[in-house]
Amino acid sequence: MLETTASRVDESRLLIERDLFGREALNVVACEGTERVERPETYKQWQVRNIRAGFKQLPLNQETVKKARYKVSKSYHRDFLVDEDNKWVLQGWKGRIIFALSTWEPN
């Protein structure tokens, strides 16, 4: 994604690579077992986890989803995506989901 949207010497790109991706890469490559800080899970796994914890998923505001899709299609690279799946807003790049957002409340 960064190769397409930012040059290698772009200061913003360097910050993203160092501060965001660097820690995550280190966690995956260098840490095993109990040393591993984060274990990525899919949004579907989080959905099951939240339901088991006694939460109810709320419906999406369709106007907000529509605005997000429009903004991304008009202002960002064509390979960015905003999609929807079972009350989740999905953000991604070239068909791969990067972030999933939803709202929940206690039952």
N, C-alpha and C. Protein backbone atom coordinates (compact mmCIF):
# COMPACT_ATOMS: atom_id res chain seq x y z
N MET A 1 0.82 -1.18 0.00
CA MET A 1 0.00 0.00 0.00
C MET A 1 0.87 1.25 0.00
N LEU A 2 1.86 1.30 0.87
CA LEU A 2 2.72 2.48 0.94
C LEU A 2 3.55 2.65 -0.33
N GLU A 3 3.93 1.55 -0.96
CA GLU A 3 4.70 1.64 -2.20
C GLU A 3 3.92 2.40 -3.26
N THR A 4 2.60 2.27 -3.26
CA THR A 4 1.76 2.90 -4.26
C THR A 4 1.41 4.34 -3.90
N THR A 5 1.25 4.63 -2.62
CA THR A 5 0.71 5.92 -2.21
C THR A 5 1.71 6.93 -1.66
N ALA A 6 2.93 6.50 -1.34
CA ALA A 6 3.92 7.43 -0.76
C ALA A 6 5.33 7.03 -1.20
N SER A 7 6.14 8.04 -1.47
CA SER A 7 7.52 7.74 -1.88
C SER A 7 8.33 7.24 -0.69
N ARG A 8 9.43 6.58 -0.97
CA ARG A 8 10.26 6.00 0.09
C ARG A 8 10.88 7.04 1.02
N VAL A 9 11.00 8.28 0.57
CA VAL A 9 11.60 9.32 1.40
C VAL A 9 10.55 10.24 2.04
N ASP A 10 9.29 9.96 1.84
CA ASP A 10 8.21 10.75 2.43
C ASP A 10 8.26 10.61 3.96
N GLU A 11 8.32 11.74 4.66
CA GLU A 11 8.42 11.73 6.12
C GLU A 11 7.24 11.01 6.78
N SER A 12 6.04 11.21 6.25
CA SER A 12 4.86 10.54 6.80
C SER A 12 4.98 9.03 6.67
N ARG A 13 5.48 8.59 5.52
CA ARG A 13 5.65 7.15 5.31
C ARG A 13 6.66 6.58 6.31
N LEU A 14 7.75 7.29 6.51
CA LEU A 14 8.77 6.81 7.44
C LEU A 14 8.21 6.69 8.86
N LEU A 15 7.38 7.64 9.26
CA LEU A 15 6.75 7.58 10.58
C LEU A 15 5.79 6.39 10.69
N ILE A 16 5.01 6.17 9.66
CA ILE A 16 4.07 5.04 9.66
C ILE A 16 4.83 3.73 9.75
N GLU A 17 5.87 3.60 8.94
CA GLU A 17 6.65 2.35 8.95
C GLU A 17 7.32 2.11 10.30
N ARG A 18 7.85 3.17 10.88
CA ARG A 18 8.56 3.01 12.15
C ARG A 18 7.60 2.81 13.32
N ASP A 19 6.62 3.70 13.44
CA ASP A 19 5.78 3.72 14.64
C ASP A 19 4.61 2.73 14.60
N LEU A 20 4.07 2.46 13.44
CA LEU A 20 2.94 1.54 13.36
C LEU A 20 3.36 0.14 12.95
N PHE A 21 3.99 0.03 11.80
CA PHE A 21 4.31 -1.28 11.26
C PHE A 21 5.51 -1.92 11.95
N GLY A 22 6.43 -1.13 12.42
CA GLY A 22 7.64 -1.67 13.04
C GLY A 22 7.36 -2.54 14.25
N ARG A 23 6.54 -2.04 15.16
CA ARG A 23 6.20 -2.80 16.37
C ARG A 23 5.44 -4.08 16.03
N GLU A 24 4.51 -3.98 15.09
CA GLU A 24 3.73 -5.16 14.71
C GLU A 24 4.61 -6.20 14.04
N ALA A 25 5.51 -5.76 13.18
CA ALA A 25 6.41 -6.70 12.50
C ALA A 25 7.32 -7.38 13.51
N LEU A 26 7.86 -6.63 14.44
CA LEU A 26 8.72 -7.20 15.48
C LEU A 26 7.96 -8.24 16.29
N ASN A 27 6.73 -7.94 16.63
CA ASN A 27 5.89 -8.86 17.40
C ASN A 27 5.71 -10.19 16.66
N VAL A 28 5.47 -10.13 15.37
CA VAL A 28 5.22 -11.34 14.58
C VAL A 28 6.50 -12.11 14.31
N VAL A 29 7.57 -11.41 13.94
CA VAL A 29 8.81 -12.06 13.52
C VAL A 29 9.65 -12.55 14.69
N ALA A 30 9.76 -11.75 15.74
CA ALA A 30 10.74 -12.04 16.79
C ALA A 30 10.16 -12.67 18.06
N CYS A 31 8.86 -12.65 18.23
CA CYS A 31 8.28 -13.11 19.50
C CYS A 31 7.46 -14.38 19.31
N GLU A 32 7.61 -15.29 20.26
CA GLU A 32 6.85 -16.54 20.25
C GLU A 32 6.27 -16.79 21.64
N GLY A 33 5.24 -17.60 21.69
CA GLY A 33 4.65 -17.99 22.97
C GLY A 33 4.21 -16.82 23.81
N THR A 34 4.58 -16.83 25.09
CA THR A 34 4.15 -15.78 26.01
C THR A 34 4.80 -14.43 25.72
N GLU A 35 5.89 -14.41 24.97
CA GLU A 35 6.55 -13.15 24.63
C GLU A 35 5.77 -12.36 23.58
N ARG A 36 4.90 -13.04 22.86
CA ARG A 36 4.13 -12.37 21.82
C ARG A 36 3.10 -11.46 22.46
N VAL A 37 3.11 -10.19 22.07
CA VAL A 37 2.25 -9.19 22.69
C VAL A 37 0.85 -9.22 22.09
N GLU A 38 0.75 -9.30 20.78
CA GLU A 38 -0.54 -9.27 20.11
C GLU A 38 -0.72 -10.51 19.26
N ARG A 39 -1.93 -10.98 19.22
CA ARG A 39 -2.29 -12.11 18.36
C ARG A 39 -3.47 -11.65 17.50
N PRO A 40 -3.19 -11.27 16.27
CA PRO A 40 -4.27 -10.75 15.41
C PRO A 40 -5.41 -11.76 15.25
N GLU A 41 -6.63 -11.26 15.32
CA GLU A 41 -7.81 -12.07 15.11
C GLU A 41 -8.67 -11.40 14.05
N THR A 42 -9.46 -12.19 13.34
CA THR A 42 -10.35 -11.63 12.34
C THR A 42 -11.53 -10.95 13.02
N TYR A 43 -12.21 -10.09 12.27
CA TYR A 43 -13.38 -9.42 12.84
C TYR A 43 -14.48 -10.44 13.17
N LYS A 44 -14.53 -11.53 12.43
CA LYS A 44 -15.53 -12.57 12.73
C LYS A 44 -15.22 -13.25 14.06
N GLN A 45 -13.94 -13.42 14.37
CA GLN A 45 -13.57 -13.97 15.68
C GLN A 45 -13.95 -13.00 16.80
N TRP A 46 -13.74 -11.70 16.55
CA TRP A 46 -14.12 -10.70 17.54
C TRP A 46 -15.63 -10.66 17.74
N GLN A 47 -16.37 -10.89 16.66
CA GLN A 47 -17.83 -10.89 16.77
C GLN A 47 -18.28 -12.00 17.73
N VAL A 48 -17.76 -13.19 17.57
CA VAL A 48 -18.09 -14.31 18.46
C VAL A 48 -17.67 -13.98 19.89
N ARG A 49 -16.48 -13.44 20.04
CA ARG A 49 -15.97 -13.10 21.38
C ARG A 49 -16.88 -12.07 22.07
N ASN A 50 -17.28 -11.04 21.34
CA ASN A 50 -18.15 -10.00 21.91
C ASN A 50 -19.52 -10.55 22.30
N ILE A 51 -20.09 -11.39 21.45
CA ILE A 51 -21.40 -11.98 21.76
C ILE A 51 -21.30 -12.86 23.01
N ARG A 52 -20.26 -13.65 23.10
CA ARG A 52 -20.06 -14.50 24.29
C ARG A 52 -19.87 -13.67 25.56
N ALA A 53 -19.31 -12.47 25.40
CA ALA A 53 -19.08 -11.59 26.55
C ALA A 53 -20.34 -10.81 26.94
N GLY A 54 -21.44 -11.04 26.21
CA GLY A 54 -22.70 -10.41 26.59
C GLY A 54 -23.01 -9.10 25.90
N PHE A 55 -22.41 -8.87 24.75
CA PHE A 55 -22.68 -7.65 24.01
C PHE A 55 -23.59 -7.93 22.82
N LYS A 56 -24.30 -6.89 22.40
CA LYS A 56 -25.18 -6.96 21.23
C LYS A 56 -24.64 -5.98 20.18
N GLN A 57 -24.50 -6.47 18.96
CA GLN A 57 -23.99 -5.62 17.90
C GLN A 57 -25.10 -4.70 17.40
N LEU A 58 -24.76 -3.44 17.20
CA LEU A 58 -25.73 -2.45 16.74
C LEU A 58 -25.66 -2.32 15.22
N PRO A 59 -26.78 -1.95 14.60
CA PRO A 59 -26.76 -1.77 13.15
C PRO A 59 -25.92 -0.56 12.75
N LEU A 60 -25.41 -0.61 11.54
CA LEU A 60 -24.62 0.49 11.01
C LEU A 60 -25.54 1.62 10.57
N ASN A 61 -25.03 2.84 10.65
CA ASN A 61 -25.73 3.98 10.09
C ASN A 61 -25.43 3.98 8.59
N GLN A 62 -26.43 3.66 7.78
CA GLN A 62 -26.21 3.50 6.35
C GLN A 62 -25.76 4.80 5.67
N GLU A 63 -26.19 5.93 6.17
CA GLU A 63 -25.76 7.20 5.59
C GLU A 63 -24.26 7.42 5.82
N THR A 64 -23.77 7.05 6.99
CA THR A 64 -22.35 7.17 7.29
C THR A 64 -21.53 6.24 6.40
N VAL A 65 -22.00 5.01 6.22
CA VAL A 65 -21.30 4.06 5.35
C VAL A 65 -21.27 4.59 3.92
N LYS A 66 -22.38 5.12 3.47
CA LYS A 66 -22.47 5.68 2.11
C LYS A 66 -21.47 6.83 1.93
N LYS A 67 -21.39 7.72 2.92
CA LYS A 67 -20.45 8.85 2.86
C LYS A 67 -19.00 8.36 2.84
N ALA A 68 -18.70 7.35 3.65
CA ALA A 68 -17.34 6.81 3.69
C ALA A 68 -16.96 6.21 2.34
N ARG A 69 -17.87 5.44 1.75
CA ARG A 69 -17.60 4.85 0.43
C ARG A 69 -17.35 5.94 -0.61
N TYR A 70 -18.19 6.96 -0.59
CA TYR A 70 -18.05 8.05 -1.56
C TYR A 70 -16.72 8.77 -1.39
N LYS A 71 -16.39 9.11 -0.15
CA LYS A 71 -15.13 9.83 0.14
C LYS A 71 -13.93 9.02 -0.33
N VAL A 72 -13.91 7.73 -0.03
CA VAL A 72 -12.78 6.89 -0.42
C VAL A 72 -12.71 6.78 -1.94
N SER A 73 -13.85 6.62 -2.60
CA SER A 73 -13.84 6.46 -4.06
C SER A 73 -13.40 7.74 -4.77
N LYS A 74 -13.68 8.89 -4.20
CA LYS A 74 -13.34 10.16 -4.85
C LYS A 74 -11.98 10.73 -4.44
N SER A 75 -11.51 10.42 -3.24
CA SER A 75 -10.33 11.11 -2.72
C SER A 75 -9.10 10.23 -2.51
N TYR A 76 -9.25 8.93 -2.65
CA TYR A 76 -8.14 8.03 -2.34
C TYR A 76 -7.81 7.15 -3.53
N HIS A 77 -6.70 6.46 -3.45
CA HIS A 77 -6.27 5.55 -4.50
C HIS A 77 -7.37 4.53 -4.79
N ARG A 78 -7.50 4.12 -6.03
CA ARG A 78 -8.58 3.22 -6.44
C ARG A 78 -8.53 1.85 -5.77
N ASP A 79 -7.38 1.46 -5.24
CA ASP A 79 -7.26 0.16 -4.60
C ASP A 79 -7.71 0.14 -3.13
N PHE A 80 -7.99 1.32 -2.56
CA PHE A 80 -8.58 1.35 -1.22
C PHE A 80 -10.03 0.92 -1.32
N LEU A 81 -10.54 0.28 -0.28
CA LEU A 81 -11.94 -0.15 -0.31
C LEU A 81 -12.62 0.10 1.01
N VAL A 82 -13.91 0.35 0.92
CA VAL A 82 -14.80 0.39 2.08
C VAL A 82 -15.94 -0.55 1.73
N ASP A 83 -16.18 -1.52 2.58
CA ASP A 83 -17.23 -2.50 2.32
C ASP A 83 -18.00 -2.74 3.62
N GLU A 84 -18.97 -3.61 3.55
CA GLU A 84 -19.83 -3.88 4.68
C GLU A 84 -20.08 -5.38 4.77
N ASP A 85 -20.06 -5.92 5.98
CA ASP A 85 -20.36 -7.33 6.18
C ASP A 85 -20.95 -7.53 7.57
N ASN A 86 -22.20 -7.93 7.61
CA ASN A 86 -22.84 -8.31 8.86
C ASN A 86 -22.63 -7.29 9.98
N LYS A 87 -23.00 -6.04 9.72
CA LYS A 87 -22.91 -4.93 10.68
C LYS A 87 -21.48 -4.50 10.98
N TRP A 88 -20.56 -4.80 10.09
CA TRP A 88 -19.17 -4.35 10.20
C TRP A 88 -18.86 -3.47 9.00
N VAL A 89 -18.15 -2.37 9.22
CA VAL A 89 -17.59 -1.59 8.13
C VAL A 89 -16.16 -2.09 7.94
N LEU A 90 -15.85 -2.49 6.73
CA LEU A 90 -14.53 -3.04 6.43
C LEU A 90 -13.74 -2.04 5.61
N GLN A 91 -12.49 -1.84 6.00
CA GLN A 91 -11.58 -0.98 5.25
C GLN A 91 -10.43 -1.84 4.77
N GLY A 92 -10.06 -1.65 3.51
CA GLY A 92 -9.00 -2.52 3.01
C GLY A 92 -8.25 -1.95 1.84
N TRP A 93 -7.38 -2.80 1.32
CA TRP A 93 -6.49 -2.45 0.22
C TRP A 93 -6.39 -3.65 -0.70
N LYS A 94 -6.73 -3.46 -1.96
CA LYS A 94 -6.65 -4.52 -2.98
C LYS A 94 -7.37 -5.79 -2.53
N GLY A 95 -8.55 -5.64 -1.96
CA GLY A 95 -9.36 -6.78 -1.58
C GLY A 95 -9.02 -7.40 -0.23
N ARG A 96 -7.97 -6.93 0.41
CA ARG A 96 -7.58 -7.48 1.71
C ARG A 96 -8.06 -6.55 2.83
N ILE A 97 -8.74 -7.09 3.81
CA ILE A 97 -9.28 -6.28 4.90
C ILE A 97 -8.14 -5.91 5.85
N ILE A 98 -8.05 -4.62 6.14
CA ILE A 98 -7.03 -4.10 7.05
C ILE A 98 -7.67 -3.77 8.41
N PHE A 99 -8.82 -3.10 8.38
CA PHE A 99 -9.54 -2.72 9.60
C PHE A 99 -11.01 -3.11 9.47
N ALA A 100 -11.62 -3.44 10.59
CA ALA A 100 -13.05 -3.70 10.65
C ALA A 100 -13.61 -2.94 11.85
N LEU A 101 -14.69 -2.21 11.62
CA LEU A 101 -15.27 -1.37 12.67
C LEU A 101 -16.72 -1.76 12.90
N SER A 102 -17.13 -1.74 14.15
CA SER A 102 -18.53 -2.00 14.49
C SER A 102 -18.84 -1.34 15.83
N THR A 103 -20.11 -1.30 16.16
CA THR A 103 -20.52 -0.73 17.45
C THR A 103 -21.30 -1.79 18.23
N TRP A 104 -21.11 -1.77 19.54
CA TRP A 104 -21.70 -2.78 20.42
C TRP A 104 -22.24 -2.11 21.67
N GLU A 105 -23.21 -2.77 22.30
CA GLU A 105 -23.70 -2.34 23.61
C GLU A 105 -23.95 -3.57 24.47
N PRO A 106 -23.89 -3.41 25.79
CA PRO A 106 -24.16 -4.56 26.66
C PRO A 106 -25.61 -5.03 26.49
N ASN A 107 -25.81 -6.32 26.58
CA ASN A 107 -27.18 -6.87 26.51
C ASN A 107 -27.97 -6.48 27.73
